Amino acid sequence: MPSRRYVRRWGALSLTFGAVLVGTAAQSPAGPDALPPGAPDPTAVVSVDGCDTGGLCSAPRHTVALSAGRTSPDRTLTGRPLTLGAQATGPVSLLLRTPGRLADVTVTDRRGRKVAGVPSADGTRWDSVTAMPAGGHYTARLVVERTDGGARPEAPHRHVARLEFRTAVAPAGERLTVTFGPESGRTYGVGQPITAQLSHPVPADEPGARRRVERALQVRSEPRVEGAWHWVDDDTLHYRPRGYWPSHATVRVHSGLDGLRVGSGLNGGRSRPLTLTTGERVEAVTDVAALVMTVFRDGRAVRTIPVTTGKAGYRTRGGIKVVLGKEPLVRMRGDSIGIARGSRDYYDLKVRWATRVTWSGEYLHAAPWSLDAQGSENVSHGCTGMSTEDAAWLFRTVREGDLVRVVNGYGKPMAPFGNGFGDWNLSWAEWRRGSALTGRAAAGPATSAQGFLRPAL
């Protein structure tokens, strides 16, 4: 039984709240056929379902159940604006309760933006892709087709239903916002992950809240690719495609958190969107055993460079890294990686044309002092050294987000997180396990991380 029940009636309209589905269609006392031409017909029951019997809803779903009755063709069905209950945090469903089908459903917000939704195969139901933010005002226009009486199947009656509804305003409290990275409006390499830094932690022991957050963080690319978010920790997520981004793609990232009831007293707030583009696919592959780096552009080798990498005790990390930044001149000191001053291995050098791949100080850079070793011996302290000419060329060629891959080496693998972007060292299956929607903590079928406002970006 529901924990509480609240019903308001406006003539032919009922609004019902409860912990289980309790609404029934309201009818005019004289019946739908007695309505004068042009008058509104009985339209909708709004209820809350998707809950366990005997308990409150953790993420209930609003259902607007349309009951068109036996009306004449092309009659417009209307209803007064409805306010959906504050206790419901799930998506909105429009359900046709009478024979027929929903031939078309268009739901828009106050600014005229379309709400993304999915119709059922039999045409009796439409579900919004995600929950709708609190404090919103929406208009649904539904075309209902019926083949009552002697109507020919090829010429069904059509009724147009127009329904306005609002979502309750979120209560006062903490606002969860997100800062996306990298910097918006720039061009990056095809290996650049998207980062999302939350203003408040969302712990792993709140999987429902994590799912709501993840669904609200919307990523779209042109051309489209398969991708997913991965929870790095309680307040950080990374997004990457299954493979790398396509060359010359446009990636748009938007937060749908604003007004969303996340849980634990948190309500979503506004966040700045992100748009970036990708350039050519540039990948620098270092074969440690062969002491050679080959640079590829869109799959074609464009330069082969003799290099030296980390010697014993300072081996260069293996695996896939992403360019983090470039510094034309950087001072490198041994004590920054734990080598004591006065030690035989200590160094203090001004280094030219340095391309950074880890936060701890691994670079690809000019090393004129090791020219004799380049291509023949590994003598560095973990960086990849090359001639000044080659380092300058590489510096001009790569950009942030480009790929640096180290193969046939002896060092430890690049960590996925914490020391740069090692995201690509996880398999796609491992990556998806870090998603609240597709990982171990996910409940029910996987849900696409698409936002509810199609043209919002």
Protein backbone atom coordinates (compact mmCIF):
# COMPACT_ATOMS: atom_id res chain seq x y z
CA MET A 1 0.00 0.00 0.00
CA PRO A 2 1.21 3.55 -0.63
CA SER A 3 2.64 5.44 2.31
CA ARG A 4 0.38 8.38 1.45
CA ARG A 5 -2.14 9.26 -1.17
CA TYR A 6 -3.06 12.70 -2.42
CA VAL A 7 -5.66 13.31 -5.15
CA ARG A 8 -6.74 16.57 -6.75
CA ARG A 9 -9.46 16.71 -9.39
CA TRP A 10 -10.11 19.41 -11.97
CA GLY A 11 -13.21 18.17 -13.77
CA ALA A 12 -11.90 15.40 -16.00
CA LEU A 13 -8.34 15.48 -14.64
CA SER A 14 -6.79 13.64 -11.68
CA LEU A 15 -3.39 14.13 -10.11
CA THR A 16 -2.35 11.28 -7.84
CA PHE A 17 0.75 10.82 -5.71
CA GLY A 18 1.68 7.62 -3.95
CA ALA A 19 4.29 4.95 -3.49
CA VAL A 20 2.62 2.61 -5.97
CA LEU A 21 0.52 3.13 -9.08
CA VAL A 22 -2.89 4.22 -7.76
CA GLY A 23 -4.45 6.55 -10.37
CA THR A 24 -7.54 5.75 -12.43
CA ALA A 25 -8.91 7.62 -15.42
CA ALA A 26 -11.48 10.30 -14.62
CA GLN A 27 -14.51 10.71 -16.87
CA SER A 28 -17.13 13.37 -17.42
CA PRO A 29 -20.41 12.34 -15.69
CA ALA A 30 -22.21 12.32 -19.02
CA GLY A 31 -19.46 10.35 -20.74
CA PRO A 32 -17.04 11.43 -23.43
CA ASP A 33 -19.58 11.26 -26.27
CA ALA A 34 -21.79 13.87 -24.54
CA LEU A 35 -19.16 16.61 -24.80
CA PRO A 36 -20.02 19.52 -27.11
CA PRO A 37 -17.91 20.01 -30.23
CA GLY A 38 -14.59 21.64 -29.48
CA ALA A 39 -14.80 20.96 -25.74
CA PRO A 40 -11.83 19.30 -24.04
CA ASP A 41 -12.17 15.58 -23.43
CA PRO A 42 -11.06 13.63 -20.38
CA THR A 43 -7.32 13.49 -20.71
CA ALA A 44 -4.91 12.33 -18.12
CA VAL A 45 -4.11 10.65 -14.89
CA VAL A 46 -0.73 11.48 -13.40
CA SER A 47 0.66 8.91 -11.02
CA VAL A 48 3.91 7.57 -9.62
CA ASP A 49 4.99 4.02 -10.33
CA GLY A 50 8.13 1.94 -10.53
CA CYS A 51 8.19 1.43 -6.75
CA ASP A 52 8.32 -1.59 -4.48
CA THR A 53 5.04 -2.47 -2.81
CA GLY A 54 5.07 -1.49 0.84
CA GLY A 55 7.94 1.02 0.61
CA LEU A 56 8.72 4.51 -0.52
CA CYS A 57 10.24 5.11 -3.94
CA SER A 58 13.97 5.67 -4.14
CA ALA A 59 13.71 6.81 -7.76
CA PRO A 60 10.03 6.75 -8.74
CA ARG A 61 8.81 7.46 -12.25
CA HIS A 62 6.01 9.87 -13.11
CA THR A 63 3.41 8.42 -15.46
CA VAL A 64 0.88 10.55 -17.34
CA ALA A 65 -1.84 8.13 -18.45
CA LEU A 66 -3.97 9.50 -21.30
CA SER A 67 -7.56 8.28 -21.60
CA ALA A 68 -8.94 9.63 -24.88
CA GLY A 69 -12.42 8.08 -24.73
CA ARG A 70 -14.63 7.58 -27.80
CA THR A 71 -14.18 11.04 -29.24
CA SER A 72 -14.70 12.38 -32.72
CA PRO A 73 -11.75 12.72 -35.11
CA ASP A 74 -9.28 15.55 -34.66
CA ARG A 75 -10.62 16.59 -31.28
CA THR A 76 -8.01 18.37 -29.13
CA LEU A 77 -7.51 16.86 -25.68
CA THR A 78 -6.31 19.35 -23.06
CA GLY A 79 -5.60 19.56 -19.39
CA ARG A 80 -4.70 22.15 -16.82
CA PRO A 81 -0.98 22.48 -15.95
CA LEU A 82 0.14 19.77 -13.54
CA THR A 83 2.89 19.92 -10.95
CA LEU A 84 4.68 16.60 -10.56
CA GLY A 85 5.48 15.58 -7.02
CA ALA A 86 8.76 16.45 -5.35
CA GLN A 87 9.19 12.84 -4.19
CA ALA A 88 9.71 11.55 -7.74
CA THR A 89 13.27 11.72 -9.06
CA GLY A 90 13.01 9.45 -12.08
CA PRO A 91 12.16 10.03 -15.76
CA VAL A 92 8.70 10.98 -17.02
CA SER A 93 6.49 8.53 -18.93
CA LEU A 94 3.47 9.23 -21.13
CA LEU A 95 1.21 6.18 -21.27
CA LEU A 96 -1.81 5.66 -23.56
CA ARG A 97 -4.45 3.68 -21.66
CA THR A 98 -7.04 3.30 -24.44
CA PRO A 99 -6.93 1.41 -27.77
CA GLY A 100 -4.75 3.18 -30.29
CA ARG A 101 -1.19 4.36 -30.52
CA LEU A 102 0.91 7.45 -29.97
CA ALA A 103 1.71 8.46 -33.53
CA ASP A 104 3.91 11.36 -32.45
CA VAL A 105 5.19 12.79 -29.17
CA THR A 106 6.94 16.13 -28.80
CA VAL A 107 7.90 17.42 -25.36
CA THR A 108 9.56 20.82 -25.05
CA ASP A 109 10.82 22.94 -22.17
CA ARG A 110 10.05 26.62 -21.59
CA ARG A 111 12.77 27.64 -24.08
CA GLY A 112 11.39 25.40 -26.80
CA ARG A 113 14.12 22.77 -26.55
CA LYS A 114 13.02 19.21 -27.24
CA VAL A 115 13.14 16.63 -24.50
CA ALA A 116 14.78 13.39 -25.65
CA GLY A 117 12.52 10.38 -25.29
CA VAL A 118 12.00 6.82 -26.49
CA PRO A 119 8.65 5.45 -27.74
CA SER A 120 7.65 1.88 -27.05
CA ALA A 121 7.46 -0.59 -29.93
CA ASP A 122 3.67 -0.82 -29.69
CA GLY A 123 3.19 2.95 -29.63
CA THR A 124 1.44 3.01 -26.24
CA ARG A 125 4.22 4.61 -24.17
CA TRP A 126 6.86 7.33 -24.36
CA ASP A 127 9.65 7.61 -21.79
CA SER A 128 12.02 10.53 -21.28
CA VAL A 129 15.66 9.47 -21.50
CA THR A 130 16.57 10.97 -18.13
CA ALA A 131 14.95 12.63 -15.15
CA MET A 132 13.80 16.20 -15.69
CA PRO A 133 15.34 18.99 -13.61
CA ALA A 134 13.40 20.50 -10.75
CA GLY A 135 11.60 23.78 -11.31
CA GLY A 136 11.03 23.13 -15.02
CA HIS A 137 7.96 23.89 -17.14
CA TYR A 138 7.21 21.51 -20.02
CA THR A 139 4.65 21.12 -22.77
CA ALA A 140 3.77 17.75 -24.30
CA ARG A 141 2.03 17.51 -27.67
CA LEU A 142 0.81 14.01 -28.49
CA VAL A 143 -0.90 12.74 -31.63
CA VAL A 144 -3.14 9.79 -30.74
CA GLU A 145 -4.34 7.50 -33.57
CA ARG A 146 -7.39 5.27 -33.18
CA THR A 147 -9.39 3.05 -35.53
CA ASP A 148 -12.70 3.00 -33.62
CA GLY A 149 -15.97 1.74 -35.04
CA GLY A 150 -16.14 1.54 -38.79
CA ALA A 151 -13.13 3.69 -39.47
CA ARG A 152 -10.84 2.30 -42.09
CA PRO A 153 -7.41 1.23 -40.77
CA GLU A 154 -5.76 3.28 -43.49
CA ALA A 155 -7.60 6.42 -42.30
CA PRO A 156 -7.53 6.33 -38.48
CA HIS A 157 -9.03 9.02 -36.28
CA ARG A 158 -6.46 11.40 -34.88
CA HIS A 159 -6.65 13.28 -31.60
CA VAL A 160 -4.15 15.90 -30.52
CA ALA A 161 -3.40 15.98 -26.80
CA ARG A 162 -1.63 18.96 -25.29
CA LEU A 163 -0.48 18.70 -21.71
CA GLU A 164 1.50 21.19 -19.65
CA PHE A 165 3.34 20.07 -16.53
CA ARG A 166 5.88 21.39 -14.09
CA THR A 167 8.46 19.74 -11.90
CA ALA A 168 8.58 20.81 -8.28
CA VAL A 169 11.25 23.29 -7.25
CA ALA A 170 14.27 21.69 -5.57
CA PRO A 171 14.54 22.45 -1.85
CA ALA A 172 17.25 24.67 -0.52
CA GLY A 173 20.56 22.94 0.18
CA GLU A 174 23.93 22.14 -1.31
CA ARG A 175 24.26 22.39 -5.08
CA LEU A 176 26.26 19.79 -6.99
CA THR A 177 28.08 21.35 -9.94
CA VAL A 178 30.74 20.04 -12.29
CA THR A 179 33.82 21.52 -13.93
CA PHE A 180 34.65 19.90 -17.25
CA GLY A 181 38.13 19.62 -18.74
CA PRO A 182 40.19 20.24 -20.75
CA GLU A 183 39.86 23.91 -21.71
CA SER A 184 36.90 24.64 -23.96
CA GLY A 185 37.21 26.01 -27.47
CA ARG A 186 40.54 24.42 -28.36
CA THR A 187 41.77 21.60 -30.61
CA TYR A 188 43.25 18.49 -28.98
CA GLY A 189 44.67 15.15 -29.99
CA VAL A 190 42.45 12.10 -30.44
CA GLY A 191 43.60 10.61 -27.13
CA GLN A 192 42.31 13.47 -24.94
CA PRO A 193 39.91 12.21 -22.24
CA ILE A 194 37.09 14.40 -20.93
CA THR A 195 37.31 15.08 -17.20
CA ALA A 196 34.48 15.97 -14.82
CA GLN A 197 35.37 17.39 -11.39
CA LEU A 198 32.38 17.39 -9.03
CA SER A 199 31.96 20.10 -6.40
CA HIS A 200 30.91 17.49 -3.81
CA PRO A 201 31.81 13.81 -3.48
CA VAL A 202 29.29 11.14 -4.48
CA PRO A 203 30.42 7.98 -2.64
CA ALA A 204 30.46 4.53 -4.20
CA ASP A 205 28.04 3.31 -1.53
CA GLU A 206 25.37 5.55 -3.10
CA PRO A 207 25.05 3.83 -6.50
CA GLY A 208 21.67 5.41 -7.24
CA ALA A 209 23.10 8.91 -6.84
CA ARG A 210 26.07 7.99 -9.02
CA ARG A 211 23.78 6.72 -11.75
CA ARG A 212 21.75 9.93 -11.68
CA VAL A 213 24.92 12.03 -11.91
CA GLU A 214 26.39 9.95 -14.71
CA ARG A 215 23.22 10.08 -16.80
CA ALA A 216 23.20 13.85 -16.43
CA LEU A 217 26.75 14.31 -17.78
CA GLN A 218 26.11 14.32 -21.50
CA VAL A 219 28.78 13.81 -24.16
CA ARG A 220 28.07 13.96 -27.88
CA SER A 221 30.50 13.85 -30.75
CA GLU A 222 30.27 14.37 -34.49
CA PRO A 223 30.88 11.82 -35.89
CA ARG A 224 29.26 9.73 -33.17
CA VAL A 225 31.30 7.16 -31.27
CA GLU A 226 30.64 4.75 -28.42
CA GLY A 227 31.95 6.03 -25.10
CA ALA A 228 31.43 5.90 -21.34
CA TRP A 229 32.22 7.65 -18.06
CA HIS A 230 34.52 6.04 -15.49
CA TRP A 231 34.51 7.01 -11.81
CA VAL A 232 38.15 7.71 -10.88
CA ASP A 233 37.17 8.55 -7.29
CA ASP A 234 34.21 10.01 -5.40
CA ASP A 235 34.39 13.41 -7.10
CA THR A 236 36.20 12.77 -10.40
CA LEU A 237 35.04 11.10 -13.61
CA HIS A 238 36.79 10.58 -16.94
CA TYR A 239 35.07 9.98 -20.28
CA ARG A 240 36.67 8.29 -23.28
CA PRO A 241 35.44 6.51 -26.40
CA ARG A 242 35.88 2.78 -26.89
CA GLY A 243 38.66 3.61 -29.34
CA TYR A 244 40.29 6.99 -29.83
CA TRP A 245 38.28 10.01 -30.94
CA PRO A 246 37.98 10.35 -34.71
CA SER A 247 40.21 12.90 -36.41
CA HIS A 248 38.59 16.29 -36.94
CA ALA A 249 35.68 15.51 -34.62
CA THR A 250 33.61 17.97 -32.59
CA VAL A 251 32.90 16.96 -28.99
CA ARG A 252 30.25 18.70 -26.89
CA VAL A 253 29.87 18.12 -23.15
CA HIS A 254 26.93 19.40 -21.14
CA SER A 255 25.68 18.98 -17.58
CA GLY A 256 22.04 18.15 -17.00
CA LEU A 257 22.50 18.34 -13.23
CA ASP A 258 20.75 21.68 -12.81
CA GLY A 259 17.69 21.06 -10.64
CA LEU A 260 18.31 17.32 -10.41
CA ARG A 261 17.72 15.72 -7.01
CA VAL A 262 20.89 13.73 -6.64
CA GLY A 263 20.42 12.36 -3.13
CA SER A 264 21.80 12.82 0.39
CA GLY A 265 20.56 16.41 0.44
CA LEU A 266 22.36 17.30 -2.80
CA ASN A 267 20.61 19.05 -5.66
CA GLY A 268 22.24 19.79 -8.97
CA GLY A 269 23.31 23.30 -9.95
CA ARG A 270 24.34 25.00 -13.18
CA SER A 271 27.67 24.20 -14.78
CA ARG A 272 29.54 25.55 -17.77
CA PRO A 273 29.45 23.34 -20.91
CA LEU A 274 32.51 22.31 -22.91
CA THR A 275 33.15 22.12 -26.64
CA LEU A 276 36.38 20.93 -28.23
CA THR A 277 37.60 19.64 -31.57
CA THR A 278 40.20 17.05 -32.46
CA GLY A 279 42.98 17.39 -35.00
CA GLU A 280 44.79 14.75 -37.00
CA ARG A 281 45.59 11.48 -35.27
CA VAL A 282 49.23 11.92 -34.25
CA GLU A 283 50.94 9.07 -32.42
CA ALA A 284 54.58 8.78 -31.33
CA VAL A 285 55.57 5.13 -30.82
CA THR A 286 58.84 4.44 -29.02
CA ASP A 287 60.32 0.97 -29.41
CA VAL A 288 62.57 0.77 -26.35
CA ALA A 289 64.40 -2.37 -27.52
CA ALA A 290 65.13 -0.85 -30.94
CA LEU A 291 65.85 2.64 -29.49
CA VAL A 292 63.72 4.26 -32.20
CA MET A 293 60.65 6.49 -32.12
CA THR A 294 58.30 6.49 -35.12
CA VAL A 295 55.80 9.32 -35.46
CA PHE A 296 52.56 8.58 -37.32
CA ARG A 297 50.04 11.06 -38.70
CA ASP A 298 46.65 9.53 -39.51
CA GLY A 299 48.31 6.11 -39.72
CA ARG A 300 51.18 7.15 -41.99
CA ALA A 301 54.78 7.18 -40.69
CA VAL A 302 56.19 10.69 -41.12
CA ARG A 303 59.47 10.56 -39.17
CA THR A 304 61.78 8.03 -37.51
CA ILE A 305 63.90 9.36 -34.63
CA PRO A 306 66.83 7.67 -32.81
CA VAL A 307 66.19 7.92 -29.06
CA THR A 308 67.49 6.89 -25.67
CA THR A 309 65.14 5.94 -22.82
CA GLY A 310 65.47 5.04 -19.15
CA LYS A 311 68.44 3.02 -17.98
CA ALA A 312 68.35 0.30 -15.31
CA GLY A 313 66.79 1.67 -12.13
CA TYR A 314 65.02 4.46 -14.06
CA ARG A 315 63.13 2.56 -16.72
CA THR A 316 60.65 4.46 -18.89
CA ARG A 317 57.03 3.56 -18.20
CA GLY A 318 55.41 1.33 -20.80
CA GLY A 319 52.01 1.63 -22.36
CA ILE A 320 49.94 4.52 -23.70
CA LYS A 321 50.34 8.09 -22.50
CA VAL A 322 48.80 11.37 -23.62
CA VAL A 323 50.60 14.66 -24.20
CA LEU A 324 49.84 16.91 -21.20
CA GLY A 325 51.64 20.04 -22.33
CA LYS A 326 54.77 21.51 -23.93
CA GLU A 327 57.53 23.66 -22.44
CA PRO A 328 60.17 25.24 -24.71
CA LEU A 329 62.61 25.43 -21.78
CA VAL A 330 62.38 23.57 -18.48
CA ARG A 331 64.84 23.08 -15.61
CA MET A 332 65.20 19.42 -14.61
CA ARG A 333 66.78 18.42 -11.31
CA GLY A 334 67.46 14.99 -9.89
CA ASP A 335 66.00 15.76 -6.47
CA SER A 336 62.56 16.20 -8.11
CA ILE A 337 62.50 12.40 -8.60
CA GLY A 338 64.27 11.48 -5.37
CA ILE A 339 67.95 11.59 -6.43
CA ALA A 340 69.95 13.23 -3.65
CA ARG A 341 72.30 16.11 -4.38
CA GLY A 342 75.89 14.91 -4.48
CA SER A 343 74.80 11.54 -5.80
CA ARG A 344 76.50 10.23 -8.89
CA ASP A 345 73.14 10.19 -10.67
CA TYR A 346 72.18 13.74 -9.66
CA TYR A 347 71.57 16.23 -12.48
CA ASP A 348 70.57 19.89 -12.85
CA LEU A 349 69.94 20.80 -16.49
CA LYS A 350 68.10 23.34 -18.61
CA VAL A 351 66.30 21.27 -21.21
CA ARG A 352 64.92 22.48 -24.55
CA TRP A 353 61.79 21.43 -26.43
CA ALA A 354 60.21 19.37 -23.65
CA THR A 355 56.91 17.55 -24.28
CA ARG A 356 55.36 16.40 -20.99
CA VAL A 357 53.58 13.03 -20.65
CA THR A 358 53.36 12.57 -16.84
CA TRP A 359 52.84 14.95 -13.95
CA SER A 360 55.82 13.42 -12.15
CA GLY A 361 58.21 14.73 -14.79
CA GLU A 362 58.50 12.33 -17.71
CA TYR A 363 59.18 14.22 -20.95
CA LEU A 364 60.21 13.72 -24.55
CA HIS A 365 62.98 16.30 -24.96
CA ALA A 366 66.23 17.41 -26.52
CA ALA A 367 69.26 15.67 -25.00
CA PRO A 368 72.38 16.90 -26.86
CA TRP A 369 74.60 15.43 -24.10
CA SER A 370 73.54 11.85 -25.05
CA LEU A 371 73.81 12.01 -28.85
CA ASP A 372 76.25 9.08 -28.93
CA ALA A 373 73.79 6.87 -27.02
CA GLN A 374 70.69 7.76 -29.05
CA GLY A 375 69.77 4.77 -31.17
CA SER A 376 72.26 2.50 -29.43
CA GLU A 377 71.89 2.60 -25.61
CA ASN A 378 69.37 3.55 -22.92
CA VAL A 379 71.05 6.06 -20.59
CA SER A 380 68.34 8.49 -19.38
CA HIS A 381 66.63 8.79 -16.01
CA GLY A 382 63.24 7.85 -17.49
CA CYS A 383 62.66 10.51 -20.13
CA THR A 384 62.93 9.92 -23.87
CA GLY A 385 65.91 11.87 -25.21
CA MET A 386 66.70 12.81 -28.81
CA SER A 387 68.65 15.37 -30.81
CA THR A 388 67.75 19.05 -30.52
CA GLU A 389 66.57 19.11 -34.14
CA ASP A 390 64.29 16.10 -33.68
CA ALA A 391 62.96 17.39 -30.35
CA ALA A 392 62.12 20.76 -31.91
CA TRP A 393 60.32 19.04 -34.78
CA LEU A 394 58.33 16.85 -32.38
CA PHE A 395 57.51 19.88 -30.23
CA ARG A 396 56.01 21.64 -33.26
CA THR A 397 54.19 18.51 -34.46
CA VAL A 398 52.29 17.31 -31.38
CA ARG A 399 49.57 18.96 -29.34
CA GLU A 400 47.86 18.22 -26.02
CA GLY A 401 45.88 15.00 -26.27
CA ASP A 402 48.17 13.37 -28.84
CA LEU A 403 49.25 9.80 -28.17
CA VAL A 404 52.65 8.61 -26.95
CA ARG A 405 53.07 4.83 -26.86
CA VAL A 406 56.04 2.95 -25.37
CA VAL A 407 56.48 -0.66 -26.50
CA ASN A 408 59.01 -3.47 -26.00
CA GLY A 409 60.30 -1.88 -22.82
CA TYR A 410 61.36 -2.95 -19.37
CA GLY A 411 59.62 -0.40 -17.15
CA LYS A 412 56.41 -0.58 -15.16
CA PRO A 413 53.18 0.13 -17.04
CA MET A 414 51.74 3.63 -17.05
CA ALA A 415 49.09 3.97 -14.31
CA PRO A 416 45.56 4.63 -15.62
CA PHE A 417 45.05 7.61 -13.29
CA GLY A 418 46.96 9.94 -11.00
CA ASN A 419 50.08 10.66 -13.06
CA GLY A 420 48.63 11.96 -16.29
CA PHE A 421 46.18 10.32 -18.67
CA GLY A 422 46.79 6.59 -18.72
CA ASP A 423 43.11 5.94 -19.42
CA TRP A 424 43.83 4.03 -22.62
CA ASN A 425 45.75 1.34 -20.73
CA LEU A 426 42.43 -0.09 -19.51
CA SER A 427 40.56 -2.42 -21.83
CA TRP A 428 37.05 -1.39 -22.81
CA ALA A 429 35.58 -4.03 -20.49
CA GLU A 430 37.71 -2.72 -17.59
CA TRP A 431 36.72 0.84 -18.41
CA ARG A 432 33.01 0.06 -18.39
CA ARG A 433 33.33 -1.59 -14.97
CA GLY A 434 34.11 1.89 -13.63
CA SER A 435 30.74 3.20 -14.82
CA ALA A 436 27.78 3.37 -12.45
CA LEU A 437 25.56 2.50 -15.42
CA THR A 438 27.41 -0.50 -16.82
CA GLY A 439 29.77 -1.60 -14.05
CA ARG A 440 29.38 -3.99 -11.14
CA ALA A 441 27.31 -1.50 -9.14
CA ALA A 442 24.84 -0.91 -11.97
CA ALA A 443 21.31 -2.12 -11.35
CA GLY A 444 19.13 -3.12 -14.27
CA PRO A 445 19.89 -2.67 -17.95
CA ALA A 446 22.62 -0.31 -19.09
CA THR A 447 21.42 3.18 -19.96
CA SER A 448 23.00 5.46 -22.52
CA ALA A 449 24.69 8.53 -21.09
CA GLN A 450 22.71 10.86 -23.30
CA GLY A 451 21.12 14.03 -22.05
CA PHE A 452 17.47 14.93 -22.10
CA LEU A 453 17.75 18.14 -24.12
CA ARG A 454 18.67 17.32 -27.68
CA PRO A 455 19.71 20.77 -28.98
CA ALA A 456 21.07 22.11 -25.71
CA LEU A 457 24.72 22.18 -26.82
